[in-house]
Amino acid sequence: YQLDSKKVTNFNIERIARYVANNELTFQGWPNCQARSATHYIERVEE
């Protein structure tokens, strides 16, 4: 998130209203759920 112009990666429930999400990870949508791109999404989220 961005918090007061600084990047933060830890989540603080007391500051959530001030967080601006960076949404920085991008993936190409997959044609079906068995596609390699869908598996890559799951593997990256797991990591």
All heavy atoms as atom14 arrays in JSON, in Angstrom:
{
  "sequence": "YQLDSKKVTNFNIERIARYVANNELTFQGWPNCQARSATHYIERVEE",
  "atom14_mask": [
    [1, 1, 1, 1, 1, 1, 1, 1, 1, 1, 1, 1, 0, 0],
    [1, 1, 1, 1, 1, 1, 1, 1, 1, 0, 0, 0, 0, 0],
    [1, 1, 1, 1, 1, 1, 1, 1, 0, 0, 0, 0, 0, 0],
    [1, 1, 1, 1, 1, 1, 1, 1, 0, 0, 0, 0, 0, 0],
    [1, 1, 1, 1, 1, 1, 0, 0, 0, 0, 0, 0, 0, 0],
    [1, 1, 1, 1, 1, 1, 1, 1, 1, 0, 0, 0, 0, 0],
    [1, 1, 1, 1, 1, 1, 1, 1, 1, 0, 0, 0, 0, 0],
    [1, 1, 1, 1, 1, 1, 1, 0, 0, 0, 0, 0, 0, 0],
    [1, 1, 1, 1, 1, 1, 1, 0, 0, 0, 0, 0, 0, 0],
    [1, 1, 1, 1, 1, 1, 1, 1, 0, 0, 0, 0, 0, 0],
    [1, 1, 1, 1, 1, 1, 1, 1, 1, 1, 1, 0, 0, 0],
    [1, 1, 1, 1, 1, 1, 1, 1, 0, 0, 0, 0, 0, 0],
    [1, 1, 1, 1, 1, 1, 1, 1, 0, 0, 0, 0, 0, 0],
    [1, 1, 1, 1, 1, 1, 1, 1, 1, 0, 0, 0, 0, 0],
    [1, 1, 1, 1, 1, 1, 1, 1, 1, 1, 1, 0, 0, 0],
    [1, 1, 1, 1, 1, 1, 1, 1, 0, 0, 0, 0, 0, 0],
    [1, 1, 1, 1, 1, 0, 0, 0, 0, 0, 0, 0, 0, 0],
    [1, 1, 1, 1, 1, 1, 1, 1, 1, 1, 1, 0, 0, 0],
    [1, 1, 1, 1, 1, 1, 1, 1, 1, 1, 1, 1, 0, 0],
    [1, 1, 1, 1, 1, 1, 1, 0, 0, 0, 0, 0, 0, 0],
    [1, 1, 1, 1, 1, 0, 0, 0, 0, 0, 0, 0, 0, 0],
    [1, 1, 1, 1, 1, 1, 1, 1, 0, 0, 0, 0, 0, 0],
    [1, 1, 1, 1, 1, 1, 1, 1, 0, 0, 0, 0, 0, 0],
    [1, 1, 1, 1, 1, 1, 1, 1, 1, 0, 0, 0, 0, 0],
    [1, 1, 1, 1, 1, 1, 1, 1, 0, 0, 0, 0, 0, 0],
    [1, 1, 1, 1, 1, 1, 1, 0, 0, 0, 0, 0, 0, 0],
    [1, 1, 1, 1, 1, 1, 1, 1, 1, 1, 1, 0, 0, 0],
    [1, 1, 1, 1, 1, 1, 1, 1, 1, 0, 0, 0, 0, 0],
    [1, 1, 1, 1, 0, 0, 0, 0, 0, 0, 0, 0, 0, 0],
    [1, 1, 1, 1, 1, 1, 1, 1, 1, 1, 1, 1, 1, 1],
    [1, 1, 1, 1, 1, 1, 1, 0, 0, 0, 0, 0, 0, 0],
    [1, 1, 1, 1, 1, 1, 1, 1, 0, 0, 0, 0, 0, 0],
    [1, 1, 1, 1, 1, 1, 0, 0, 0, 0, 0, 0, 0, 0],
    [1, 1, 1, 1, 1, 1, 1, 1, 1, 0, 0, 0, 0, 0],
    [1, 1, 1, 1, 1, 0, 0, 0, 0, 0, 0, 0, 0, 0],
    [1, 1, 1, 1, 1, 1, 1, 1, 1, 1, 1, 0, 0, 0],
    [1, 1, 1, 1, 1, 1, 0, 0, 0, 0, 0, 0, 0, 0],
    [1, 1, 1, 1, 1, 0, 0, 0, 0, 0, 0, 0, 0, 0],
    [1, 1, 1, 1, 1, 1, 1, 0, 0, 0, 0, 0, 0, 0],
    [1, 1, 1, 1, 1, 1, 1, 1, 1, 1, 0, 0, 0, 0],
    [1, 1, 1, 1, 1, 1, 1, 1, 1, 1, 1, 1, 0, 0],
    [1, 1, 1, 1, 1, 1, 1, 1, 0, 0, 0, 0, 0, 0],
    [1, 1, 1, 1, 1, 1, 1, 1, 1, 0, 0, 0, 0, 0],
    [1, 1, 1, 1, 1, 1, 1, 1, 1, 1, 1, 0, 0, 0],
    [1, 1, 1, 1, 1, 1, 1, 0, 0, 0, 0, 0, 0, 0],
    [1, 1, 1, 1, 1, 1, 1, 1, 1, 0, 0, 0, 0, 0],
    [1, 1, 1, 1, 1, 1, 1, 1, 1, 0, 0, 0, 0, 0]
  ],
  "atom14_positions": [
    [[0.83, -1.2, 0.0], [0.0, 0.0, 0.0], [0.88, 1.25, 0.0], [2.07, 1.21, 0.33], [-0.88, 0.07, 1.26], [-1.63, -1.19, 1.59], [-1.2, -2.04, 2.62], [-2.8, -1.51, 0.92], [-1.9, -3.18, 2.94], [-3.51, -2.67, 1.24], [-3.05, -3.5, 2.25], [-3.75, -4.63, 2.57], [0.0, 0.0, 0.0], [0.0, 0.0, 0.0]],
    [[0.24, 2.36, -0.34], [0.82, 3.67, -0.09], [0.18, 4.23, 1.18], [-1.05, 4.21, 1.32], [0.57, 4.63, -1.24], [1.33, 4.28, -2.52], [2.84, 4.29, -2.35], [3.52, 3.31, -2.61], [3.36, 5.42, -1.89], [0.0, 0.0, 0.0], [0.0, 0.0, 0.0], [0.0, 0.0, 0.0], [0.0, 0.0, 0.0], [0.0, 0.0, 0.0]],
    [[1.0, 4.68, 2.1], [0.52, 5.29, 3.34], [1.35, 6.54, 3.6], [2.56, 6.45, 3.85], [0.65, 4.3, 4.51], [0.27, 4.84, 5.89], [-1.22, 5.16, 5.96], [0.66, 3.87, 7.0], [0.0, 0.0, 0.0], [0.0, 0.0, 0.0], [0.0, 0.0, 0.0], [0.0, 0.0, 0.0], [0.0, 0.0, 0.0], [0.0, 0.0, 0.0]],
    [[0.7, 7.69, 3.5], [1.4, 8.98, 3.68], [2.63, 9.05, 2.78], [3.75, 9.38, 3.22], [1.81, 9.15, 5.15], [0.62, 9.13, 6.1], [-0.48, 9.52, 5.65], [0.78, 8.71, 7.25], [0.0, 0.0, 0.0], [0.0, 0.0, 0.0], [0.0, 0.0, 0.0], [0.0, 0.0, 0.0], [0.0, 0.0, 0.0], [0.0, 0.0, 0.0]],
    [[2.44, 8.7, 1.5], [3.48, 8.77, 0.46], [4.61, 7.76, 0.67], [5.65, 7.86, 0.03], [4.08, 10.18, 0.39], [3.07, 11.13, 0.11], [0.0, 0.0, 0.0], [0.0, 0.0, 0.0], [0.0, 0.0, 0.0], [0.0, 0.0, 0.0], [0.0, 0.0, 0.0], [0.0, 0.0, 0.0], [0.0, 0.0, 0.0], [0.0, 0.0, 0.0]],
    [[4.42, 6.78, 1.54], [5.41, 5.74, 1.75], [4.81, 4.38, 1.41], [3.63, 4.13, 1.63], [5.89, 5.73, 3.21], [6.65, 6.98, 3.62], [7.09, 6.88, 5.08], [7.83, 8.14, 5.51], [8.25, 8.08, 6.94], [0.0, 0.0, 0.0], [0.0, 0.0, 0.0], [0.0, 0.0, 0.0], [0.0, 0.0, 0.0], [0.0, 0.0, 0.0]],
    [[5.65, 3.49, 0.87], [5.21, 2.14, 0.55], [5.3, 1.26, 1.79], [6.33, 1.23, 2.46], [6.09, 1.56, -0.57], [5.68, 0.14, -0.99], [6.58, -0.35, -2.11], [6.24, -1.79, -2.5], [7.1, -2.27, -3.6], [0.0, 0.0, 0.0], [0.0, 0.0, 0.0], [0.0, 0.0, 0.0], [0.0, 0.0, 0.0], [0.0, 0.0, 0.0]],
    [[4.21, 0.56, 2.1], [4.2, -0.36, 3.24], [3.69, -1.72, 2.78], [2.8, -1.81, 1.94], [3.33, 0.16, 4.41], [3.91, 1.42, 5.01], [1.89, 0.4, 3.96], [0.0, 0.0, 0.0], [0.0, 0.0, 0.0], [0.0, 0.0, 0.0], [0.0, 0.0, 0.0], [0.0, 0.0, 0.0], [0.0, 0.0, 0.0], [0.0, 0.0, 0.0]],
    [[4.27, -2.77, 3.32], [3.86, -4.13, 2.96], [3.15, -4.85, 4.09], [2.47, -5.85, 3.86], [5.07, -4.97, 2.52], [6.05, -4.95, 3.58], [5.69, -4.41, 1.25], [0.0, 0.0, 0.0], [0.0, 0.0, 0.0], [0.0, 0.0, 0.0], [0.0, 0.0, 0.0], [0.0, 0.0, 0.0], [0.0, 0.0, 0.0], [0.0, 0.0, 0.0]],
    [[3.31, -4.35, 5.32], [2.63, -4.95, 6.46], [1.22, -4.39, 6.58], [0.96, -3.22, 6.26], [3.39, -4.68, 7.75], [4.69, -5.46, 7.82], [4.8, -6.55, 7.25], [5.69, -4.9, 8.48], [0.0, 0.0, 0.0], [0.0, 0.0, 0.0], [0.0, 0.0, 0.0], [0.0, 0.0, 0.0], [0.0, 0.0, 0.0], [0.0, 0.0, 0.0]],
    [[0.32, -5.21, 7.07], [-1.08, -4.8, 7.22], [-1.34, -4.43, 8.68], [-1.03, -5.19, 9.59], [-2.0, -5.96, 6.82], [-3.47, -5.63, 6.9], [-4.12, -5.04, 5.83], [-4.2, -5.93, 8.04], [-5.47, -4.74, 5.89], [-5.55, -5.64, 8.12], [-6.18, -5.04, 7.04], [0.0, 0.0, 0.0], [0.0, 0.0, 0.0], [0.0, 0.0, 0.0]],
    [[-1.89, -3.24, 8.88], [-2.26, -2.77, 10.21], [-3.74, -2.42, 10.19], [-4.14, -1.48, 9.49], [-1.41, -1.55, 10.58], [-1.66, -1.06, 12.0], [-2.77, -1.15, 12.52], [-0.62, -0.55, 12.65], [0.0, 0.0, 0.0], [0.0, 0.0, 0.0], [0.0, 0.0, 0.0], [0.0, 0.0, 0.0], [0.0, 0.0, 0.0], [0.0, 0.0, 0.0]],
    [[-4.55, -3.15, 10.94], [-5.99, -2.97, 10.9], [-6.4, -1.56, 11.31], [-7.43, -1.04, 10.86], [-6.7, -4.03, 11.78], [-8.17, -4.18, 11.41], [-6.54, -3.72, 13.27], [-8.42, -4.89, 10.13], [0.0, 0.0, 0.0], [0.0, 0.0, 0.0], [0.0, 0.0, 0.0], [0.0, 0.0, 0.0], [0.0, 0.0, 0.0], [0.0, 0.0, 0.0]],
    [[-5.58, -0.9, 12.11], [-5.91, 0.44, 12.58], [-5.63, 1.51, 11.53], [-6.08, 2.64, 11.66], [-5.13, 0.75, 13.86], [-5.51, -0.17, 15.02], [-4.63, 0.03, 16.24], [-3.96, 1.07, 16.33], [-4.62, -0.87, 17.11], [0.0, 0.0, 0.0], [0.0, 0.0, 0.0], [0.0, 0.0, 0.0], [0.0, 0.0, 0.0], [0.0, 0.0, 0.0]],
    [[-4.88, 1.14, 10.49], [-4.54, 2.11, 9.44], [-5.24, 1.83, 8.12], [-5.01, 2.53, 7.14], [-3.02, 2.11, 9.21], [-2.21, 2.59, 10.42], [-0.72, 2.47, 10.14], [0.06, 2.98, 11.26], [1.38, 2.89, 11.34], [2.06, 2.3, 10.37], [2.02, 3.38, 12.38], [0.0, 0.0, 0.0], [0.0, 0.0, 0.0], [0.0, 0.0, 0.0]],
    [[-6.05, 0.8, 8.08], [-6.6, 0.34, 6.8], [-7.36, 1.43, 6.05], [-7.31, 1.5, 4.82], [-7.5, -0.91, 7.0], [-7.96, -1.46, 5.63], [-8.66, -0.64, 7.92], [-8.71, -2.77, 5.72], [0.0, 0.0, 0.0], [0.0, 0.0, 0.0], [0.0, 0.0, 0.0], [0.0, 0.0, 0.0], [0.0, 0.0, 0.0], [0.0, 0.0, 0.0]],
    [[-8.04, 2.31, 6.76], [-8.81, 3.37, 6.09], [-7.92, 4.35, 5.35], [-8.39, 5.08, 4.47], [-9.67, 4.11, 7.11], [0.0, 0.0, 0.0], [0.0, 0.0, 0.0], [0.0, 0.0, 0.0], [0.0, 0.0, 0.0], [0.0, 0.0, 0.0], [0.0, 0.0, 0.0], [0.0, 0.0, 0.0], [0.0, 0.0, 0.0], [0.0, 0.0, 0.0]],
    [[-6.63, 4.38, 5.68], [-5.69, 5.32, 5.04], [-4.86, 4.65, 3.95], [-4.09, 5.31, 3.27], [-4.78, 5.93, 6.09], [-5.53, 6.8, 7.11], [-4.68, 7.04, 8.35], [-3.38, 7.6, 8.03], [-2.3, 7.5, 8.82], [-2.4, 6.84, 9.98], [-1.15, 8.04, 8.46], [0.0, 0.0, 0.0], [0.0, 0.0, 0.0], [0.0, 0.0, 0.0]],
    [[-5.01, 3.34, 3.8], [-4.22, 2.63, 2.79], [-4.74, 2.91, 1.38], [-5.94, 2.92, 1.13], [-4.28, 1.13, 3.02], [-3.46, 0.6, 4.18], [-3.84, -0.55, 4.84], [-2.3, 1.24, 4.6], [-3.1, -1.06, 5.9], [-1.55, 0.74, 5.66], [-1.96, -0.4, 6.3], [-1.22, -0.9, 7.35], [0.0, 0.0, 0.0], [0.0, 0.0, 0.0]],
    [[-3.8, 3.08, 0.45], [-4.12, 3.12, -0.98], [-3.41, 1.94, -1.62], [-2.18, 1.84, -1.57], [-3.65, 4.44, -1.64], [-3.93, 4.42, -3.14], [-4.32, 5.64, -0.97], [0.0, 0.0, 0.0], [0.0, 0.0, 0.0], [0.0, 0.0, 0.0], [0.0, 0.0, 0.0], [0.0, 0.0, 0.0], [0.0, 0.0, 0.0], [0.0, 0.0, 0.0]],
    [[-4.17, 1.03, -2.18], [-3.59, -0.2, -2.73], [-2.76, 0.09, -3.98], [-3.17, 0.89, -4.83], [-4.7, -1.19, -3.06], [0.0, 0.0, 0.0], [0.0, 0.0, 0.0], [0.0, 0.0, 0.0], [0.0, 0.0, 0.0], [0.0, 0.0, 0.0], [0.0, 0.0, 0.0], [0.0, 0.0, 0.0], [0.0, 0.0, 0.0], [0.0, 0.0, 0.0]],
    [[-1.61, -0.57, -4.1], [-0.76, -0.41, -5.28], [-1.18, -1.34, -6.42], [-0.93, -1.01, -7.6], [0.71, -0.67, -4.92], [1.31, 0.47, -4.11], [1.06, 1.64, -4.41], [2.08, 0.14, -3.08], [0.0, 0.0, 0.0], [0.0, 0.0, 0.0], [0.0, 0.0, 0.0], [0.0, 0.0, 0.0], [0.0, 0.0, 0.0], [0.0, 0.0, 0.0]],
    [[-1.79, -2.49, -6.09], [-2.24, -3.45, -7.12], [-1.14, -3.68, -8.15], [-1.37, -3.66, -9.36], [-3.52, -2.96, -7.8], [-4.7, -2.89, -6.85], [-4.82, -3.71, -5.95], [-5.56, -1.9, -7.03], [0.0, 0.0, 0.0], [0.0, 0.0, 0.0], [0.0, 0.0, 0.0], [0.0, 0.0, 0.0], [0.0, 0.0, 0.0], [0.0, 0.0, 0.0]],
    [[0.09, -3.9, -7.67], [1.25, -3.86, -8.56], [1.53, -5.14, -9.32], [2.29, -5.14, -10.31], [2.5, -3.46, -7.75], [2.95, -4.47, -6.7], [2.37, -4.23, -5.32], [1.14, -4.03, -5.22], [3.14, -4.24, -4.34], [0.0, 0.0, 0.0], [0.0, 0.0, 0.0], [0.0, 0.0, 0.0], [0.0, 0.0, 0.0], [0.0, 0.0, 0.0]],
    [[0.96, -6.27, -8.89], [1.2, -7.53, -9.59], [0.16, -7.71, -10.69], [-1.04, -7.59, -10.44], [1.13, -8.7, -8.62], [2.08, -8.63, -7.41], [1.88, -9.83, -6.52], [3.53, -8.54, -7.86], [0.0, 0.0, 0.0], [0.0, 0.0, 0.0], [0.0, 0.0, 0.0], [0.0, 0.0, 0.0], [0.0, 0.0, 0.0], [0.0, 0.0, 0.0]],
    [[0.62, -7.97, -11.89], [-0.31, -8.13, -13.02], [-0.14, -9.5, -13.66], [0.97, -10.03, -13.77], [-0.09, -7.04, -14.08], [1.26, -7.11, -14.56], [-0.35, -5.65, -13.49], [0.0, 0.0, 0.0], [0.0, 0.0, 0.0], [0.0, 0.0, 0.0], [0.0, 0.0, 0.0], [0.0, 0.0, 0.0], [0.0, 0.0, 0.0], [0.0, 0.0, 0.0]],
    [[-1.26, -10.05, -14.08], [-1.3, -11.35, -14.75], [-2.24, -11.24, -15.94], [-3.25, -10.52, -15.88], [-1.82, -12.45, -13.82], [-1.04, -12.6, -12.54], [-1.26, -11.75, -11.45], [-0.08, -13.59, -12.42], [-0.54, -11.89, -10.27], [0.65, -13.73, -11.24], [0.42, -12.88, -10.17], [0.0, 0.0, 0.0], [0.0, 0.0, 0.0], [0.0, 0.0, 0.0]],
    [[-1.94, -11.94, -16.99], [-2.85, -12.01, -18.12], [-3.95, -13.01, -17.78], [-3.68, -14.12, -17.32], [-2.12, -12.47, -19.38], [-3.0, -12.5, -20.62], [-3.56, -11.13, -20.98], [-2.83, -10.15, -21.03], [-4.86, -11.05, -21.19], [0.0, 0.0, 0.0], [0.0, 0.0, 0.0], [0.0, 0.0, 0.0], [0.0, 0.0, 0.0], [0.0, 0.0, 0.0]],
    [[-5.2, -12.58, -17.95], [-6.32, -13.49, -17.69], [-6.17, -14.77, -18.5], [-5.59, -14.77, -19.59], [0.0, 0.0, 0.0], [0.0, 0.0, 0.0], [0.0, 0.0, 0.0], [0.0, 0.0, 0.0], [0.0, 0.0, 0.0], [0.0, 0.0, 0.0], [0.0, 0.0, 0.0], [0.0, 0.0, 0.0], [0.0, 0.0, 0.0], [0.0, 0.0, 0.0]],
    [[-6.68, -15.89, -17.96], [-6.44, -17.19, -18.58], [-7.66, -17.66, -19.36], [-8.82, -17.36, -19.01], [-6.08, -18.22, -17.51], [-6.73, -17.98, -16.18], [-7.92, -18.45, -15.74], [-6.22, -17.14, -15.13], [-8.18, -17.99, -14.48], [-7.15, -17.17, -14.08], [-5.05, -16.37, -14.99], [-6.97, -16.47, -12.9], [-4.87, -15.68, -13.82], [-5.82, -15.73, -12.78]],
    [[-7.43, -18.44, -20.43], [-8.56, -18.92, -21.24], [-9.42, -19.95, -20.52], [-10.62, -20.07, -20.75], [-7.87, -19.54, -22.47], [-6.48, -19.88, -21.99], [-6.13, -18.84, -20.99], [0.0, 0.0, 0.0], [0.0, 0.0, 0.0], [0.0, 0.0, 0.0], [0.0, 0.0, 0.0], [0.0, 0.0, 0.0], [0.0, 0.0, 0.0], [0.0, 0.0, 0.0]],
    [[-8.79, -20.73, -19.62], [-9.52, -21.71, -18.81], [-8.7, -22.0, -17.55], [-7.52, -21.63, -17.46], [-9.8, -22.99, -19.59], [-8.52, -23.67, -20.04], [-7.8, -24.25, -19.24], [-8.23, -23.58, -21.35], [0.0, 0.0, 0.0], [0.0, 0.0, 0.0], [0.0, 0.0, 0.0], [0.0, 0.0, 0.0], [0.0, 0.0, 0.0], [0.0, 0.0, 0.0]],
    [[-9.31, -22.65, -16.59], [-8.67, -22.83, -15.28], [-7.57, -23.89, -15.28], [-6.88, -24.05, -14.27], [-9.73, -23.17, -14.23], [-10.85, -21.78, -13.9], [0.0, 0.0, 0.0], [0.0, 0.0, 0.0], [0.0, 0.0, 0.0], [0.0, 0.0, 0.0], [0.0, 0.0, 0.0], [0.0, 0.0, 0.0], [0.0, 0.0, 0.0], [0.0, 0.0, 0.0]],
    [[-7.42, -24.62, -16.38], [-6.33, -25.59, -16.47], [-5.11, -25.0, -17.17], [-4.07, -25.66, -17.23], [-6.82, -26.83, -17.25], [-8.06, -27.5, -16.69], [-7.87, -28.04, -15.29], [-6.77, -28.39, -14.89], [-8.96, -28.12, -14.52], [0.0, 0.0, 0.0], [0.0, 0.0, 0.0], [0.0, 0.0, 0.0], [0.0, 0.0, 0.0], [0.0, 0.0, 0.0]],
    [[-5.23, -23.79, -17.66], [-4.15, -23.17, -18.42], [-2.93, -22.91, -17.54], [-3.04, -22.72, -16.33], [-4.63, -21.85, -19.04], [0.0, 0.0, 0.0], [0.0, 0.0, 0.0], [0.0, 0.0, 0.0], [0.0, 0.0, 0.0], [0.0, 0.0, 0.0], [0.0, 0.0, 0.0], [0.0, 0.0, 0.0], [0.0, 0.0, 0.0], [0.0, 0.0, 0.0]],
    [[-1.76, -22.9, -18.18], [-0.52, -22.66, -17.45], [-0.54, -21.29, -16.77], [-0.02, -21.12, -15.66], [0.67, -22.75, -18.42], [2.01, -22.4, -17.79], [2.34, -23.31, -16.61], [3.41, -22.74, -15.78], [3.61, -23.04, -14.5], [2.82, -23.92, -13.91], [4.58, -22.49, -13.83], [0.0, 0.0, 0.0], [0.0, 0.0, 0.0], [0.0, 0.0, 0.0]],
    [[-1.15, -20.31, -17.41], [-1.23, -18.96, -16.83], [-2.03, -18.95, -15.53], [-1.71, -18.21, -14.6], [-1.82, -17.98, -17.84], [-3.03, -18.47, -18.38], [0.0, 0.0, 0.0], [0.0, 0.0, 0.0], [0.0, 0.0, 0.0], [0.0, 0.0, 0.0], [0.0, 0.0, 0.0], [0.0, 0.0, 0.0], [0.0, 0.0, 0.0], [0.0, 0.0, 0.0]],
    [[-3.08, -19.78, -15.44], [-3.87, -19.88, -14.21], [-3.04, -20.54, -13.11], [-3.06, -20.11, -11.95], [-5.14, -20.68, -14.46], [0.0, 0.0, 0.0], [0.0, 0.0, 0.0], [0.0, 0.0, 0.0], [0.0, 0.0, 0.0], [0.0, 0.0, 0.0], [0.0, 0.0, 0.0], [0.0, 0.0, 0.0], [0.0, 0.0, 0.0], [0.0, 0.0, 0.0]],
    [[-2.28, -21.57, -13.49], [-1.41, -22.24, -12.51], [-0.34, -21.29, -12.01], [-0.01, -21.28, -10.82], [-0.77, -23.49, -13.15], [-1.8, -24.35, -13.63], [0.09, -24.24, -12.14], [0.0, 0.0, 0.0], [0.0, 0.0, 0.0], [0.0, 0.0, 0.0], [0.0, 0.0, 0.0], [0.0, 0.0, 0.0], [0.0, 0.0, 0.0], [0.0, 0.0, 0.0]],
    [[0.22, -20.49, -12.91], [1.24, -19.51, -12.52], [0.68, -18.53, -11.49], [1.37, -18.16, -10.52], [1.75, -18.77, -13.76], [2.65, -17.62, -13.44], [3.88, -17.77, -12.83], [2.49, -16.27, -13.63], [4.44, -16.59, -12.66], [3.62, -15.66, -13.13], [0.0, 0.0, 0.0], [0.0, 0.0, 0.0], [0.0, 0.0, 0.0], [0.0, 0.0, 0.0]],
    [[-0.55, -18.09, -11.7], [-1.21, -17.17, -10.76], [-1.27, -17.8, -9.36], [-0.89, -17.17, -8.36], [-2.61, -16.83, -11.26], [-3.46, -16.03, -10.31], [-3.42, -14.64, -10.3], [-4.34, -16.66, -9.42], [-4.2, -13.89, -9.44], [-5.13, -15.92, -8.55], [-5.06, -14.54, -8.57], [-5.84, -13.81, -7.7], [0.0, 0.0, 0.0], [0.0, 0.0, 0.0]],
    [[-1.72, -19.05, -9.28], [-1.83, -19.75, -8.0], [-0.45, -19.91, -7.36], [-0.28, -19.67, -6.15], [-2.49, -21.13, -8.18], [-3.93, -20.98, -8.74], [-2.51, -21.91, -6.86], [-4.85, -20.17, -7.9], [0.0, 0.0, 0.0], [0.0, 0.0, 0.0], [0.0, 0.0, 0.0], [0.0, 0.0, 0.0], [0.0, 0.0, 0.0], [0.0, 0.0, 0.0]],
    [[0.53, -20.29, -8.14], [1.88, -20.49, -7.6], [2.47, -19.2, -7.06], [3.13, -19.19, -6.01], [2.78, -21.07, -8.69], [2.44, -22.51, -9.05], [3.19, -23.01, -10.28], [3.78, -22.18, -11.01], [3.2, -24.24, -10.5], [0.0, 0.0, 0.0], [0.0, 0.0, 0.0], [0.0, 0.0, 0.0], [0.0, 0.0, 0.0], [0.0, 0.0, 0.0]],
    [[2.24, -18.09, -7.77], [2.79, -16.8, -7.32], [2.09, -16.32, -6.06], [2.74, -15.83, -5.13], [2.62, -15.76, -8.44], [3.24, -14.41, -8.14], [4.74, -14.49, -8.14], [5.33, -13.15, -8.01], [6.24, -12.83, -7.1], [6.67, -13.73, -6.25], [6.74, -11.6, -7.06], [0.0, 0.0, 0.0], [0.0, 0.0, 0.0], [0.0, 0.0, 0.0]],
    [[0.77, -16.49, -5.99], [0.03, -16.1, -4.78], [0.49, -16.95, -3.6], [0.7, -16.44, -2.49], [-1.5, -16.25, -5.01], [-2.26, -16.13, -3.69], [-1.99, -15.2, -5.99], [0.0, 0.0, 0.0], [0.0, 0.0, 0.0], [0.0, 0.0, 0.0], [0.0, 0.0, 0.0], [0.0, 0.0, 0.0], [0.0, 0.0, 0.0], [0.0, 0.0, 0.0]],
    [[0.67, -18.24, -3.82], [1.14, -19.14, -2.76], [2.51, -18.7, -2.25], [2.76, -18.66, -1.03], [1.21, -20.56, -3.28], [1.7, -21.57, -2.25], [1.78, -22.97, -2.83], [2.62, -23.2, -3.72], [1.01, -23.85, -2.38], [0.0, 0.0, 0.0], [0.0, 0.0, 0.0], [0.0, 0.0, 0.0], [0.0, 0.0, 0.0], [0.0, 0.0, 0.0]],
    [[3.4, -18.35, -3.17], [4.75, -17.92, -2.79], [4.7, -16.67, -1.91], [5.38, -16.59, -0.88], [5.56, -17.63, -4.06], [6.96, -17.09, -3.8], [7.63, -16.62, -5.08], [7.06, -16.82, -6.19], [8.73, -16.04, -4.99], [0.0, 0.0, 0.0], [0.0, 0.0, 0.0], [0.0, 0.0, 0.0], [0.0, 0.0, 0.0], [0.0, 0.0, 0.0]]
  ]
}
